[in-house]
C-alpha atoms as a PDB file:
ATOM      1  CA  UNK A   1      -2.645  44.875  -8.775  1.00  0.00           C
ATOM      2  CA  UNK A   2       0.195  44.141  -6.360  1.00  0.00           C
ATOM      3  CA  UNK A   3       0.175  47.633  -4.890  1.00  0.00           C
ATOM      4  CA  UNK A   4      -3.694  47.373  -4.484  1.00  0.00           C
ATOM      5  CA  UNK A   5      -3.342  44.055  -2.587  1.00  0.00           C
ATOM      6  CA  UNK A   6      -0.544  45.365  -0.472  1.00  0.00           C
ATOM      7  CA  UNK A   7      -2.551  48.457   0.585  1.00  0.00           C
ATOM      8  CA  UNK A   8      -5.553  46.129   1.450  1.00  0.00           C
ATOM      9  CA  UNK A   9      -3.268  43.914   3.465  1.00  0.00           C
ATOM     10  CA  UNK A  10      -1.795  47.036   5.308  1.00  0.00           C
ATOM     11  CA  UNK A  11      -5.386  48.129   6.116  1.00  0.00           C
ATOM     12  CA  UNK A  12      -6.271  44.665   7.505  1.00  0.00           C
ATOM     13  CA  UNK A  13      -2.978  44.627   9.613  1.00  0.00           C
ATOM     14  CA  UNK A  14      -3.730  48.110  11.038  1.00  0.00           C
ATOM     15  CA  UNK A  15      -7.287  47.000  11.945  1.00  0.00           C
ATOM     16  CA  UNK A  16      -5.842  43.783  13.633  1.00  0.00           C
ATOM     17  CA  UNK A  17      -3.412  45.845  15.595  1.00  0.00           C
ATOM     18  CA  UNK A  18      -6.149  48.265  16.680  1.00  0.00           C
ATOM     19  CA  UNK A  19      -8.628  45.650  17.681  1.00  0.00           C
ATOM     20  CA  UNK A  20      -5.884  43.696  19.565  1.00  0.00           C
ATOM     21  CA  UNK A  21      -4.959  46.666  21.887  1.00  0.00           C
ATOM     22  CA  UNK A  22      -5.735  46.793  25.515  1.00  0.00           C
ATOM     23  CA  UNK A  23      -5.778  43.112  26.329  1.00  0.00           C
ATOM     24  CA  UNK A  24      -8.373  42.425  23.696  1.00  0.00           C
ATOM     25  CA  UNK A  25      -7.790  39.466  21.334  1.00  0.00           C
ATOM     26  CA  UNK A  26      -9.042  39.621  17.821  1.00  0.00           C
ATOM     27  CA  UNK A  27      -8.629  37.310  14.935  1.00  0.00           C
ATOM     28  CA  UNK A  28     -10.249  36.843  11.525  1.00  0.00           C
ATOM     29  CA  UNK A  29     -10.519  34.078   9.055  1.00  0.00           C
ATOM     30  CA  UNK A  30     -11.921  34.003   5.510  1.00  0.00           C
ATOM     31  CA  UNK A  31     -15.203  32.115   5.242  1.00  0.00           C
ATOM     32  CA  UNK A  32     -14.231  29.100   3.132  1.00  0.00           C
ATOM     33  CA  UNK A  33     -17.475  29.041   1.388  1.00  0.00           C
ATOM     34  CA  UNK A  34     -17.357  32.691   0.365  1.00  0.00           C
ATOM     35  CA  UNK A  35     -13.669  32.269  -0.794  1.00  0.00           C
ATOM     36  CA  UNK A  36     -14.575  29.171  -2.938  1.00  0.00           C
ATOM     37  CA  UNK A  37     -17.562  30.949  -4.531  1.00  0.00           C
ATOM     38  CA  UNK A  38     -15.469  33.994  -5.283  1.00  0.00           C
ATOM     39  CA  UNK A  39     -12.739  31.981  -6.886  1.00  0.00           C
ATOM     40  CA  UNK A  40     -15.162  29.982  -8.974  1.00  0.00           C
ATOM     41  CA  UNK A  41     -16.931  33.128 -10.116  1.00  0.00           C
ATOM     42  CA  UNK A  42     -13.574  34.055 -11.831  1.00  0.00           C
ATOM     43  CA  UNK A  43     -13.404  30.860 -13.825  1.00  0.00           C
ATOM     44  CA  UNK A  44     -15.554  31.861 -16.914  1.00  0.00           C
ATOM     45  CA  UNK A  45     -13.674  34.968 -17.532  1.00  0.00           C
ATOM     46  CA  UNK A  46     -10.214  33.346 -16.874  1.00  0.00           C
ATOM     47  CA  UNK A  47     -11.254  30.707 -19.513  1.00  0.00           C
ATOM     48  CA  UNK A  48     -11.327  33.421 -22.137  1.00  0.00           C
ATOM     49  CA  UNK A  49      -7.702  34.621 -21.537  1.00  0.00           C
ATOM     50  CA  UNK A  50      -4.843  33.414 -23.799  1.00  0.00           C
ATOM     51  CA  UNK A  51      -3.492  31.523 -20.783  1.00  0.00           C
ATOM     52  CA  UNK A  52      -6.168  29.017 -21.042  1.00  0.00           C
ATOM     53  CA  UNK A  53      -4.757  25.549 -22.131  1.00  0.00           C
ATOM     54  CA  UNK A  54      -7.411  25.422 -24.793  1.00  0.00           C
ATOM     55  CA  UNK A  55      -5.378  28.051 -26.627  1.00  0.00           C
ATOM     56  CA  UNK A  56      -2.232  26.025 -26.227  1.00  0.00           C
ATOM     57  CA  UNK A  57      -0.753  27.650 -23.234  1.00  0.00           C
ATOM     58  CA  UNK A  58       0.840  25.254 -20.765  1.00  0.00           C
ATOM     59  CA  UNK A  59       2.530  27.445 -18.178  1.00  0.00           C
ATOM     60  CA  UNK A  60       3.208  27.581 -14.392  1.00  0.00           C
ATOM     61  CA  UNK A  61       0.199  29.764 -13.623  1.00  0.00           C
ATOM     62  CA  UNK A  62      -2.258  26.948 -14.609  1.00  0.00           C
ATOM     63  CA  UNK A  63      -2.851  24.382 -11.933  1.00  0.00           C
ATOM     64  CA  UNK A  64      -2.989  20.633 -12.545  1.00  0.00           C
ATOM     65  CA  UNK A  65      -6.534  21.057 -13.730  1.00  0.00           C
ATOM     66  CA  UNK A  66      -5.471  23.633 -16.293  1.00  0.00           C
ATOM     67  CA  UNK A  67      -7.077  26.489 -14.448  1.00  0.00           C
ATOM     68  CA  UNK A  68      -5.260  29.805 -14.286  1.00  0.00           C
ATOM     69  CA  UNK A  69      -4.781  30.539 -10.689  1.00  0.00           C
ATOM     70  CA  UNK A  70      -2.610  33.808 -10.951  1.00  0.00           C
ATOM     71  CA  UNK A  71      -4.431  36.286 -13.120  1.00  0.00           C
ATOM     72  CA  UNK A  72      -7.404  38.514 -12.369  1.00  0.00           C
ATOM     73  CA  UNK A  73      -9.648  38.634 -15.480  1.00  0.00           C
ATOM     74  CA  UNK A  74     -11.184  41.989 -15.070  1.00  0.00           C
ATOM     75  CA  UNK A  75      -9.967  45.616 -15.204  1.00  0.00           C
ATOM     76  CA  UNK A  76      -7.895  46.813 -12.163  1.00  0.00           C
ATOM     77  CA  UNK A  77     -10.655  49.314 -11.439  1.00  0.00           C
ATOM     78  CA  UNK A  78     -13.089  46.497 -10.441  1.00  0.00           C
ATOM     79  CA  UNK A  79     -10.260  44.945  -8.332  1.00  0.00           C
ATOM     80  CA  UNK A  80      -9.662  48.317  -6.654  1.00  0.00           C
ATOM     81  CA  UNK A  81     -13.274  48.652  -5.921  1.00  0.00           C
ATOM     82  CA  UNK A  82     -13.495  45.178  -4.398  1.00  0.00           C
ATOM     83  CA  UNK A  83     -10.637  46.065  -2.043  1.00  0.00           C
ATOM     84  CA  UNK A  84     -12.045  49.382  -0.863  1.00  0.00           C
ATOM     85  CA  UNK A  85     -13.123  48.432   2.568  1.00  0.00           C
ATOM     86  CA  UNK A  86     -12.841  45.287   4.660  1.00  0.00           C
ATOM     87  CA  UNK A  87     -16.123  43.405   4.113  1.00  0.00           C
ATOM     88  CA  UNK A  88     -16.495  41.669   7.451  1.00  0.00           C
ATOM     89  CA  UNK A  89     -19.236  39.460   6.098  1.00  0.00           C
ATOM     90  CA  UNK A  90     -16.564  37.582   4.294  1.00  0.00           C
ATOM     91  CA  UNK A  91     -14.810  36.590   7.483  1.00  0.00           C
ATOM     92  CA  UNK A  92     -15.319  34.584  10.702  1.00  0.00           C
ATOM     93  CA  UNK A  93     -14.287  36.842  13.583  1.00  0.00           C
ATOM     94  CA  UNK A  94     -13.087  35.824  17.007  1.00  0.00           C
ATOM     95  CA  UNK A  95     -12.952  38.457  19.744  1.00  0.00           C
ATOM     96  CA  UNK A  96     -12.059  38.195  23.461  1.00  0.00           C
ATOM     97  CA  UNK A  97     -12.832  41.256  25.613  1.00  0.00           C
ATOM     98  CA  UNK A  98     -11.757  40.532  29.166  1.00  0.00           C
ATOM     99  CA  UNK A  99     -12.938  37.122  29.901  1.00  0.00           C
ATOM    100  CA  UNK A 100     -15.782  37.092  27.223  1.00  0.00           C
ATOM    101  CA  UNK A 101     -15.209  35.213  23.963  1.00  0.00           C
ATOM    102  CA  UNK A 102     -17.317  35.955  20.842  1.00  0.00           C
ATOM    103  CA  UNK A 103     -17.198  34.169  17.516  1.00  0.00           C
ATOM    104  CA  UNK A 104     -19.231  35.854  14.789  1.00  0.00           C
ATOM    105  CA  UNK A 105     -19.648  35.764  11.003  1.00  0.00           C
ATOM    106  CA  UNK A 106     -18.792  39.255   9.962  1.00  0.00           C
END
Protein backbone atom coordinates (compact mmCIF):
# COMPACT_ATOMS: atom_id res chain seq x y z
CA UNK A 1 0.00 0.00 0.00
CA UNK A 2 2.79 2.44 0.87
CA UNK A 3 4.47 1.83 -2.48
CA UNK A 4 1.20 2.45 -4.34
CA UNK A 5 0.68 5.72 -2.48
CA UNK A 6 4.28 6.78 -3.12
CA UNK A 7 3.89 6.13 -6.85
CA UNK A 8 0.67 8.16 -6.93
CA UNK A 9 2.34 11.01 -5.03
CA UNK A 10 5.26 10.96 -7.48
CA UNK A 11 2.77 11.14 -10.38
CA UNK A 12 1.08 14.18 -8.81
CA UNK A 13 4.44 15.88 -8.18
CA UNK A 14 5.53 15.31 -11.81
CA UNK A 15 2.23 16.82 -12.99
CA UNK A 16 2.65 19.81 -10.67
CA UNK A 17 6.18 20.42 -11.96
CA UNK A 18 5.03 20.10 -15.57
CA UNK A 19 2.13 22.51 -15.12
CA UNK A 20 4.23 25.03 -13.19
CA UNK A 21 6.76 25.39 -16.01
CA UNK A 22 7.16 28.44 -18.25
CA UNK A 23 5.92 31.04 -15.72
CA UNK A 24 2.60 29.27 -15.25
CA UNK A 25 1.28 28.77 -11.73
CA UNK A 26 -0.67 25.66 -10.91
CA UNK A 27 -1.99 24.42 -7.56
CA UNK A 28 -4.47 21.78 -6.50
CA UNK A 29 -6.43 21.07 -3.33
CA UNK A 30 -8.65 18.09 -2.56
CA UNK A 31 -12.34 18.94 -2.51
CA UNK A 32 -13.22 18.65 1.21
CA UNK A 33 -16.69 17.30 0.45
CA UNK A 34 -15.37 14.52 -1.77
CA UNK A 35 -12.63 13.72 0.74
CA UNK A 36 -15.16 13.47 3.58
CA UNK A 37 -17.54 11.30 1.54
CA UNK A 38 -14.72 8.95 0.54
CA UNK A 39 -13.46 8.63 4.11
CA UNK A 40 -16.95 7.95 5.43
CA UNK A 41 -17.53 5.35 2.72
CA UNK A 42 -14.74 3.27 4.31
CA UNK A 43 -16.33 3.17 7.79
CA UNK A 44 -18.74 0.25 7.26
CA UNK A 45 -15.93 -2.05 6.10
CA UNK A 46 -13.48 -0.77 8.71
CA UNK A 47 -16.03 -1.67 11.39
CA UNK A 48 -15.73 -5.32 10.35
CA UNK A 49 -11.98 -5.47 11.05
CA UNK A 50 -10.51 -6.84 14.26
CA UNK A 51 -9.19 -3.33 15.02
CA UNK A 52 -12.73 -2.22 15.82
CA UNK A 53 -13.08 -1.37 19.55
CA UNK A 54 -16.23 -3.53 19.62
CA UNK A 55 -13.87 -6.51 19.35
CA UNK A 56 -11.78 -5.28 22.29
CA UNK A 57 -9.08 -3.46 20.34
CA UNK A 58 -7.88 -0.18 21.84
CA UNK A 59 -4.84 0.78 19.80
CA UNK A 60 -3.21 3.91 18.41
CA UNK A 61 -4.81 3.57 14.97
CA UNK A 62 -8.27 4.24 16.36
CA UNK A 63 -9.12 7.90 16.81
CA UNK A 64 -10.91 9.38 19.84
CA UNK A 65 -14.25 8.22 18.39
CA UNK A 66 -12.95 4.65 18.12
CA UNK A 67 -12.74 4.77 14.32
CA UNK A 68 -9.81 3.11 12.61
CA UNK A 69 -8.02 5.84 10.67
CA UNK A 70 -5.02 3.92 9.34
CA UNK A 71 -6.15 0.79 7.53
CA UNK A 72 -7.69 0.33 4.11
CA UNK A 73 -10.44 -2.29 4.41
CA UNK A 74 -10.35 -3.64 0.86
CA UNK A 75 -7.90 -5.65 -1.21
CA UNK A 76 -4.83 -3.80 -2.49
CA UNK A 77 -6.05 -4.38 -6.07
CA UNK A 78 -8.96 -1.99 -5.47
CA UNK A 79 -6.60 0.58 -3.92
CA UNK A 80 -4.26 0.28 -6.90
CA UNK A 81 -7.16 0.84 -9.31
CA UNK A 82 -8.25 3.95 -7.40
CA UNK A 83 -4.76 5.42 -7.76
CA UNK A 84 -4.37 4.65 -11.45
CA UNK A 85 -4.80 8.18 -12.77
CA UNK A 86 -5.27 11.57 -11.16
CA UNK A 87 -9.01 12.16 -10.94
CA UNK A 88 -9.14 15.93 -11.38
CA UNK A 89 -12.84 16.04 -10.46
CA UNK A 90 -11.71 15.37 -6.87
CA UNK A 91 -9.69 18.60 -6.72
CA UNK A 92 -10.03 22.34 -6.85
CA UNK A 93 -7.46 23.65 -9.31
CA UNK A 94 -5.91 27.11 -9.49
CA UNK A 95 -4.03 28.05 -12.63
CA UNK A 96 -2.36 31.26 -13.72
CA UNK A 97 -1.22 31.59 -17.31
CA UNK A 98 0.37 34.95 -17.87
CA UNK A 99 -1.92 37.43 -16.12
CA UNK A 100 -5.06 35.29 -16.25
CA UNK A 101 -6.11 33.29 -13.18
CA UNK A 102 -8.54 30.38 -13.37
CA UNK A 103 -10.09 28.45 -10.49
CA UNK A 104 -11.88 25.28 -11.52
CA UNK A 105 -13.28 22.18 -9.92
CA UNK A 106 -11.49 19.40 -11.74
